[in-house]
Amino acid sequence: MLRAQQALKQYSSVESSSKAYCGSAYDLTKMLFNGCLKSLTLTVFHINHKNYAGKATELSRSLAIINGLQDCLDLEKGGDLAHNLNDLYLYMGKTLRESSVSNDISRIEHIHELLKEVSVGWEAMPLESRR
C-alpha cells in the first residue's frame, strides 16, 4: 500500500511538472492561482489543528506564489489593471504576513476570497487573449 501511495505522489509531481513545461502562460498562471488557493485552504486547516509547522509551510508557499504573480506583472505595458493587481498583491502579502503572527483565520479566508475573484476573472479571459 505504501508503495502505491509513493507512486501516486511521484506521478502527480511528474504530471504537474509536465503541465508547467508544456503549458501556456495562461495555463501556468491558472495553475499558480489554484496552487495558492489550495495552500491558503491548507493554512487554515493547519491552524485549526494546531499544526504550526504545516501552517508555516503552506503560508510560505502562498506568499511565494503571490510574490511570483506580482513579479510577472508588466507595469509599463499593463496600464491600470497591472497597477491595481500590483497593489492587491501587496495587500495580500502584507495581510498574510500579519495573520501569521496572530493565526487570524478570518484574514486568511479574506485573502482566499480576493484571490478567488482574481482567478475567476482570469478564467473569464476571452479565448483569443489566452497565450
N, C-alpha and C. Protein backbone atom coordinates (compact mmCIF):
# COMPACT_ATOMS: atom_id res chain seq x y z
N MET A 1 0.82 -1.20 0.00
CA MET A 1 0.00 0.00 0.00
C MET A 1 0.87 1.26 0.00
N LEU A 2 1.92 1.25 0.82
CA LEU A 2 2.80 2.41 0.90
C LEU A 2 3.46 2.67 -0.44
N ARG A 3 3.85 1.63 -1.14
CA ARG A 3 4.48 1.77 -2.43
C ARG A 3 3.52 2.42 -3.45
N ALA A 4 2.27 2.04 -3.41
CA ALA A 4 1.27 2.62 -4.31
C ALA A 4 1.08 4.10 -4.04
N GLN A 5 1.08 4.47 -2.78
CA GLN A 5 0.93 5.88 -2.43
C GLN A 5 2.14 6.69 -2.91
N GLN A 6 3.33 6.12 -2.77
CA GLN A 6 4.53 6.81 -3.23
C GLN A 6 4.51 6.98 -4.75
N ALA A 7 4.06 5.94 -5.45
CA ALA A 7 3.99 6.00 -6.91
C ALA A 7 3.00 7.07 -7.35
N LEU A 8 1.85 7.13 -6.67
CA LEU A 8 0.84 8.12 -7.00
C LEU A 8 1.37 9.53 -6.76
N LYS A 9 2.09 9.71 -5.67
CA LYS A 9 2.67 11.02 -5.36
C LYS A 9 3.69 11.41 -6.43
N GLN A 10 4.54 10.47 -6.85
CA GLN A 10 5.52 10.77 -7.89
C GLN A 10 4.84 11.08 -9.21
N TYR A 11 3.78 10.35 -9.53
CA TYR A 11 3.05 10.61 -10.76
C TYR A 11 2.46 12.02 -10.75
N SER A 12 1.88 12.40 -9.62
CA SER A 12 1.31 13.75 -9.50
C SER A 12 2.38 14.80 -9.71
N SER A 13 3.56 14.57 -9.17
CA SER A 13 4.66 15.50 -9.33
C SER A 13 5.09 15.61 -10.79
N VAL A 14 5.20 14.47 -11.46
CA VAL A 14 5.59 14.46 -12.87
C VAL A 14 4.51 15.13 -13.72
N GLU A 15 3.24 14.86 -13.40
CA GLU A 15 2.14 15.47 -14.14
C GLU A 15 2.18 16.98 -14.02
N SER A 16 2.39 17.47 -12.80
CA SER A 16 2.46 18.92 -12.59
C SER A 16 3.65 19.53 -13.33
N SER A 17 4.78 18.85 -13.28
CA SER A 17 5.97 19.35 -13.98
C SER A 17 5.73 19.39 -15.48
N SER A 18 5.08 18.37 -16.01
CA SER A 18 4.79 18.32 -17.44
C SER A 18 3.87 19.46 -17.85
N LYS A 19 2.86 19.69 -17.06
CA LYS A 19 1.94 20.79 -17.36
C LYS A 19 2.68 22.13 -17.33
N ALA A 20 3.56 22.29 -16.35
CA ALA A 20 4.30 23.54 -16.23
C ALA A 20 5.23 23.72 -17.42
N TYR A 21 5.83 22.64 -17.90
CA TYR A 21 6.77 22.73 -19.01
C TYR A 21 6.06 23.01 -20.32
N CYS A 22 4.89 22.41 -20.51
CA CYS A 22 4.21 22.50 -21.80
C CYS A 22 3.09 23.53 -21.84
N GLY A 23 2.69 24.05 -20.71
CA GLY A 23 1.52 24.91 -20.67
C GLY A 23 1.79 26.31 -21.18
N SER A 24 0.72 26.98 -21.55
CA SER A 24 0.80 28.38 -21.98
C SER A 24 0.93 29.27 -20.74
N ALA A 25 1.23 30.53 -20.96
CA ALA A 25 1.30 31.48 -19.86
C ALA A 25 -0.05 31.54 -19.14
N TYR A 26 -1.12 31.46 -19.92
CA TYR A 26 -2.45 31.45 -19.32
C TYR A 26 -2.62 30.25 -18.39
N ASP A 27 -2.25 29.07 -18.89
CA ASP A 27 -2.39 27.84 -18.09
C ASP A 27 -1.50 27.86 -16.86
N LEU A 28 -0.29 28.35 -17.02
CA LEU A 28 0.63 28.40 -15.88
C LEU A 28 0.11 29.35 -14.81
N THR A 29 -0.43 30.48 -15.22
CA THR A 29 -0.98 31.42 -14.25
C THR A 29 -2.18 30.81 -13.54
N LYS A 30 -3.02 30.10 -14.28
CA LYS A 30 -4.16 29.42 -13.69
C LYS A 30 -3.69 28.39 -12.65
N MET A 31 -2.61 27.67 -12.98
CA MET A 31 -2.06 26.71 -12.03
C MET A 31 -1.56 27.41 -10.76
N LEU A 32 -0.95 28.58 -10.92
CA LEU A 32 -0.48 29.32 -9.76
C LEU A 32 -1.64 29.76 -8.87
N PHE A 33 -2.70 30.27 -9.49
CA PHE A 33 -3.88 30.64 -8.70
C PHE A 33 -4.41 29.44 -7.93
N ASN A 34 -4.56 28.31 -8.63
CA ASN A 34 -5.09 27.11 -7.98
C ASN A 34 -4.18 26.63 -6.85
N GLY A 35 -2.87 26.68 -7.09
CA GLY A 35 -1.93 26.26 -6.05
C GLY A 35 -1.99 27.15 -4.83
N CYS A 36 -2.11 28.44 -5.04
CA CYS A 36 -2.18 29.38 -3.93
C CYS A 36 -3.48 29.20 -3.15
N LEU A 37 -4.58 29.04 -3.86
CA LEU A 37 -5.87 28.82 -3.18
C LEU A 37 -5.83 27.56 -2.34
N LYS A 38 -5.21 26.52 -2.87
CA LYS A 38 -5.07 25.26 -2.12
C LYS A 38 -4.21 25.47 -0.88
N SER A 39 -3.09 26.18 -1.02
CA SER A 39 -2.21 26.44 0.11
C SER A 39 -2.90 27.27 1.19
N LEU A 40 -3.70 28.25 0.77
CA LEU A 40 -4.43 29.05 1.76
C LEU A 40 -5.44 28.20 2.52
N THR A 41 -6.10 27.30 1.81
CA THR A 41 -7.05 26.38 2.46
C THR A 41 -6.31 25.50 3.46
N LEU A 42 -5.16 24.98 3.06
CA LEU A 42 -4.37 24.13 3.96
C LEU A 42 -3.82 24.92 5.14
N THR A 43 -3.51 26.19 4.93
CA THR A 43 -3.04 27.03 6.04
C THR A 43 -4.10 27.09 7.13
N VAL A 44 -5.34 27.32 6.74
CA VAL A 44 -6.44 27.38 7.70
C VAL A 44 -6.61 26.02 8.39
N PHE A 45 -6.54 24.95 7.62
CA PHE A 45 -6.64 23.59 8.17
C PHE A 45 -5.58 23.38 9.25
N HIS A 46 -4.34 23.74 8.94
CA HIS A 46 -3.25 23.53 9.90
C HIS A 46 -3.42 24.39 11.15
N ILE A 47 -3.90 25.61 11.00
CA ILE A 47 -4.14 26.45 12.18
C ILE A 47 -5.22 25.80 13.05
N ASN A 48 -6.29 25.34 12.43
CA ASN A 48 -7.37 24.70 13.19
C ASN A 48 -6.90 23.45 13.93
N HIS A 49 -5.90 22.77 13.39
CA HIS A 49 -5.40 21.55 14.01
C HIS A 49 -4.09 21.77 14.77
N LYS A 50 -3.77 23.04 14.99
CA LYS A 50 -2.59 23.44 15.76
C LYS A 50 -1.30 22.81 15.24
N ASN A 51 -1.24 22.65 13.92
CA ASN A 51 -0.03 22.18 13.25
C ASN A 51 0.67 23.41 12.68
N TYR A 52 1.47 24.05 13.53
CA TYR A 52 2.05 25.33 13.15
C TYR A 52 3.20 25.19 12.15
N ALA A 53 3.85 24.05 12.13
CA ALA A 53 4.88 23.83 11.11
C ALA A 53 4.22 23.72 9.73
N GLY A 54 3.13 22.98 9.66
CA GLY A 54 2.38 22.87 8.41
C GLY A 54 1.83 24.21 7.97
N LYS A 55 1.35 24.99 8.93
CA LYS A 55 0.84 26.33 8.63
C LYS A 55 1.94 27.18 8.02
N ALA A 56 3.11 27.14 8.61
CA ALA A 56 4.22 27.95 8.13
C ALA A 56 4.62 27.54 6.70
N THR A 57 4.63 26.25 6.44
CA THR A 57 4.99 25.76 5.11
C THR A 57 3.99 26.25 4.06
N GLU A 58 2.71 26.08 4.34
CA GLU A 58 1.68 26.47 3.38
C GLU A 58 1.58 27.98 3.22
N LEU A 59 1.73 28.70 4.32
CA LEU A 59 1.68 30.16 4.23
C LEU A 59 2.88 30.69 3.43
N SER A 60 4.04 30.09 3.64
CA SER A 60 5.22 30.48 2.85
C SER A 60 5.00 30.19 1.37
N ARG A 61 4.38 29.06 1.08
CA ARG A 61 4.09 28.71 -0.32
C ARG A 61 3.14 29.74 -0.93
N SER A 62 2.10 30.10 -0.19
CA SER A 62 1.14 31.09 -0.68
C SER A 62 1.81 32.43 -0.94
N LEU A 63 2.64 32.86 -0.02
CA LEU A 63 3.34 34.13 -0.19
C LEU A 63 4.29 34.09 -1.39
N ALA A 64 4.96 32.97 -1.58
CA ALA A 64 5.87 32.85 -2.73
C ALA A 64 5.09 32.94 -4.04
N ILE A 65 3.94 32.32 -4.09
CA ILE A 65 3.13 32.36 -5.32
C ILE A 65 2.63 33.78 -5.57
N ILE A 66 2.13 34.42 -4.53
CA ILE A 66 1.64 35.80 -4.69
C ILE A 66 2.78 36.72 -5.13
N ASN A 67 3.96 36.54 -4.54
CA ASN A 67 5.12 37.34 -4.96
C ASN A 67 5.48 37.05 -6.41
N GLY A 68 5.38 35.80 -6.81
CA GLY A 68 5.65 35.43 -8.20
C GLY A 68 4.66 36.04 -9.16
N LEU A 69 3.40 36.02 -8.79
CA LEU A 69 2.38 36.65 -9.63
C LEU A 69 2.65 38.15 -9.77
N GLN A 70 3.03 38.75 -8.67
CA GLN A 70 3.32 40.18 -8.67
C GLN A 70 4.54 40.48 -9.54
N ASP A 71 5.56 39.65 -9.44
CA ASP A 71 6.79 39.86 -10.22
C ASP A 71 6.55 39.75 -11.72
N CYS A 72 5.53 39.02 -12.12
CA CYS A 72 5.24 38.82 -13.55
C CYS A 72 4.45 39.97 -14.17
N LEU A 73 3.97 40.87 -13.36
CA LEU A 73 3.20 41.98 -13.90
C LEU A 73 4.09 42.91 -14.71
N ASP A 74 3.59 43.35 -15.84
CA ASP A 74 4.31 44.33 -16.67
C ASP A 74 3.67 45.69 -16.38
N LEU A 75 4.27 46.41 -15.44
CA LEU A 75 3.68 47.67 -15.01
C LEU A 75 3.78 48.76 -16.08
N GLU A 76 4.71 48.61 -17.02
CA GLU A 76 4.82 49.60 -18.10
C GLU A 76 3.74 49.42 -19.15
N LYS A 77 3.48 48.18 -19.54
CA LYS A 77 2.52 47.91 -20.61
C LYS A 77 1.14 47.54 -20.10
N GLY A 78 1.04 47.19 -18.82
CA GLY A 78 -0.20 46.66 -18.28
C GLY A 78 -1.23 47.69 -17.86
N GLY A 79 -0.85 48.94 -17.84
CA GLY A 79 -1.80 50.00 -17.51
C GLY A 79 -2.36 49.92 -16.11
N ASP A 80 -3.57 50.43 -15.98
CA ASP A 80 -4.23 50.48 -14.67
C ASP A 80 -4.44 49.09 -14.08
N LEU A 81 -4.77 48.13 -14.93
CA LEU A 81 -5.01 46.77 -14.44
C LEU A 81 -3.78 46.21 -13.74
N ALA A 82 -2.62 46.35 -14.36
CA ALA A 82 -1.38 45.84 -13.77
C ALA A 82 -1.08 46.56 -12.46
N HIS A 83 -1.29 47.86 -12.43
CA HIS A 83 -1.03 48.63 -11.20
C HIS A 83 -2.01 48.24 -10.09
N ASN A 84 -3.27 48.03 -10.44
CA ASN A 84 -4.26 47.60 -9.44
C ASN A 84 -3.94 46.22 -8.91
N LEU A 85 -3.54 45.30 -9.79
CA LEU A 85 -3.15 43.96 -9.34
C LEU A 85 -1.91 44.02 -8.46
N ASN A 86 -0.98 44.87 -8.82
CA ASN A 86 0.22 45.04 -8.00
C ASN A 86 -0.15 45.47 -6.58
N ASP A 87 -1.02 46.48 -6.49
CA ASP A 87 -1.47 46.95 -5.17
C ASP A 87 -2.20 45.84 -4.42
N LEU A 88 -3.02 45.08 -5.13
CA LEU A 88 -3.76 43.99 -4.50
C LEU A 88 -2.82 42.91 -3.99
N TYR A 89 -1.82 42.54 -4.78
CA TYR A 89 -0.86 41.53 -4.34
C TYR A 89 -0.04 42.02 -3.15
N LEU A 90 0.30 43.31 -3.14
CA LEU A 90 1.00 43.89 -1.97
C LEU A 90 0.13 43.76 -0.72
N TYR A 91 -1.15 44.09 -0.86
CA TYR A 91 -2.09 43.99 0.25
C TYR A 91 -2.21 42.54 0.73
N MET A 92 -2.33 41.62 -0.22
CA MET A 92 -2.46 40.20 0.14
C MET A 92 -1.24 39.72 0.93
N GLY A 93 -0.05 40.06 0.45
CA GLY A 93 1.16 39.64 1.14
C GLY A 93 1.25 40.21 2.54
N LYS A 94 0.97 41.50 2.65
CA LYS A 94 1.02 42.16 3.97
C LYS A 94 0.01 41.53 4.93
N THR A 95 -1.20 41.31 4.45
CA THR A 95 -2.24 40.73 5.30
C THR A 95 -1.89 39.31 5.73
N LEU A 96 -1.34 38.52 4.82
CA LEU A 96 -0.96 37.15 5.17
C LEU A 96 0.18 37.13 6.18
N ARG A 97 1.15 38.01 6.01
CA ARG A 97 2.25 38.06 6.98
C ARG A 97 1.73 38.46 8.36
N GLU A 98 0.82 39.42 8.41
CA GLU A 98 0.25 39.85 9.69
C GLU A 98 -0.60 38.74 10.31
N SER A 99 -1.33 38.00 9.48
CA SER A 99 -2.19 36.94 10.01
C SER A 99 -1.37 35.77 10.55
N SER A 100 -0.16 35.64 10.07
CA SER A 100 0.70 34.55 10.53
C SER A 100 1.04 34.69 12.01
N VAL A 101 1.25 35.91 12.43
CA VAL A 101 1.61 36.17 13.83
C VAL A 101 0.45 35.83 14.76
N SER A 102 -0.76 36.22 14.35
CA SER A 102 -1.93 36.05 15.22
C SER A 102 -2.75 34.81 14.91
N ASN A 103 -2.37 34.07 13.84
CA ASN A 103 -3.17 32.92 13.39
C ASN A 103 -4.62 33.31 13.14
N ASP A 104 -4.80 34.47 12.53
CA ASP A 104 -6.13 35.01 12.26
C ASP A 104 -6.72 34.38 11.00
N ILE A 105 -7.55 33.38 11.20
CA ILE A 105 -8.15 32.63 10.10
C ILE A 105 -9.02 33.52 9.22
N SER A 106 -9.74 34.45 9.82
CA SER A 106 -10.65 35.29 9.03
C SER A 106 -9.88 36.11 8.00
N ARG A 107 -8.70 36.56 8.34
CA ARG A 107 -7.90 37.35 7.39
C ARG A 107 -7.37 36.47 6.26
N ILE A 108 -7.01 35.25 6.59
CA ILE A 108 -6.54 34.32 5.55
C ILE A 108 -7.69 33.98 4.61
N GLU A 109 -8.88 33.75 5.17
CA GLU A 109 -10.05 33.47 4.35
C GLU A 109 -10.41 34.68 3.48
N HIS A 110 -10.22 35.87 3.99
CA HIS A 110 -10.46 37.09 3.22
C HIS A 110 -9.54 37.14 1.99
N ILE A 111 -8.27 36.83 2.19
CA ILE A 111 -7.32 36.81 1.08
C ILE A 111 -7.68 35.70 0.10
N HIS A 112 -8.12 34.57 0.62
CA HIS A 112 -8.56 33.46 -0.25
C HIS A 112 -9.69 33.93 -1.16
N GLU A 113 -10.65 34.65 -0.62
CA GLU A 113 -11.78 35.13 -1.42
C GLU A 113 -11.33 36.16 -2.46
N LEU A 114 -10.43 37.06 -2.07
CA LEU A 114 -9.92 38.04 -3.03
C LEU A 114 -9.19 37.34 -4.18
N LEU A 115 -8.34 36.38 -3.85
CA LEU A 115 -7.60 35.68 -4.88
C LEU A 115 -8.52 34.84 -5.75
N LYS A 116 -9.55 34.30 -5.16
CA LYS A 116 -10.53 33.53 -5.93
C LYS A 116 -11.23 34.43 -6.95
N GLU A 117 -11.56 35.65 -6.57
CA GLU A 117 -12.17 36.60 -7.51
C GLU A 117 -11.24 36.92 -8.67
N VAL A 118 -9.95 37.11 -8.38
CA VAL A 118 -8.98 37.37 -9.44
C VAL A 118 -8.88 36.15 -10.35
N SER A 119 -8.88 34.97 -9.76
CA SER A 119 -8.80 33.74 -10.52
C SER A 119 -10.01 33.56 -11.44
N VAL A 120 -11.18 33.86 -10.94
CA VAL A 120 -12.40 33.76 -11.75
C VAL A 120 -12.32 34.76 -12.92
N GLY A 121 -11.82 35.95 -12.64
CA GLY A 121 -11.64 36.94 -13.71
C GLY A 121 -10.65 36.45 -14.75
N TRP A 122 -9.58 35.80 -14.30
CA TRP A 122 -8.58 35.26 -15.21
C TRP A 122 -9.20 34.19 -16.11
N GLU A 123 -10.02 33.33 -15.52
CA GLU A 123 -10.65 32.25 -16.28
C GLU A 123 -11.68 32.79 -17.28
N ALA A 124 -12.20 33.99 -17.04
CA ALA A 124 -13.18 34.59 -17.93
C ALA A 124 -12.53 35.30 -19.12
N MET A 125 -11.21 35.27 -19.16
CA MET A 125 -10.48 35.92 -20.25
C MET A 125 -10.93 35.32 -21.59
N PRO A 126 -11.19 36.16 -22.59
CA PRO A 126 -11.59 35.63 -23.90
C PRO A 126 -10.53 34.70 -24.47
N LEU A 127 -10.97 33.68 -25.16
CA LEU A 127 -10.06 32.66 -25.71
C LEU A 127 -8.98 33.26 -26.59
N GLU A 128 -9.33 34.27 -27.38
CA GLU A 128 -8.34 34.86 -28.29
C GLU A 128 -7.24 35.62 -27.55
N SER A 129 -7.46 35.94 -26.28
CA SER A 129 -6.45 36.66 -25.49
C SER A 129 -5.53 35.72 -24.72
N ARG A 130 -5.86 34.46 -24.66
CA ARG A 130 -5.06 33.49 -23.90
C ARG A 130 -3.86 33.05 -24.73
N ARG A 131 -2.69 33.07 -24.10
CA ARG A 131 -1.46 32.62 -24.78
C ARG A 131 -0.69 31.70 -23.92
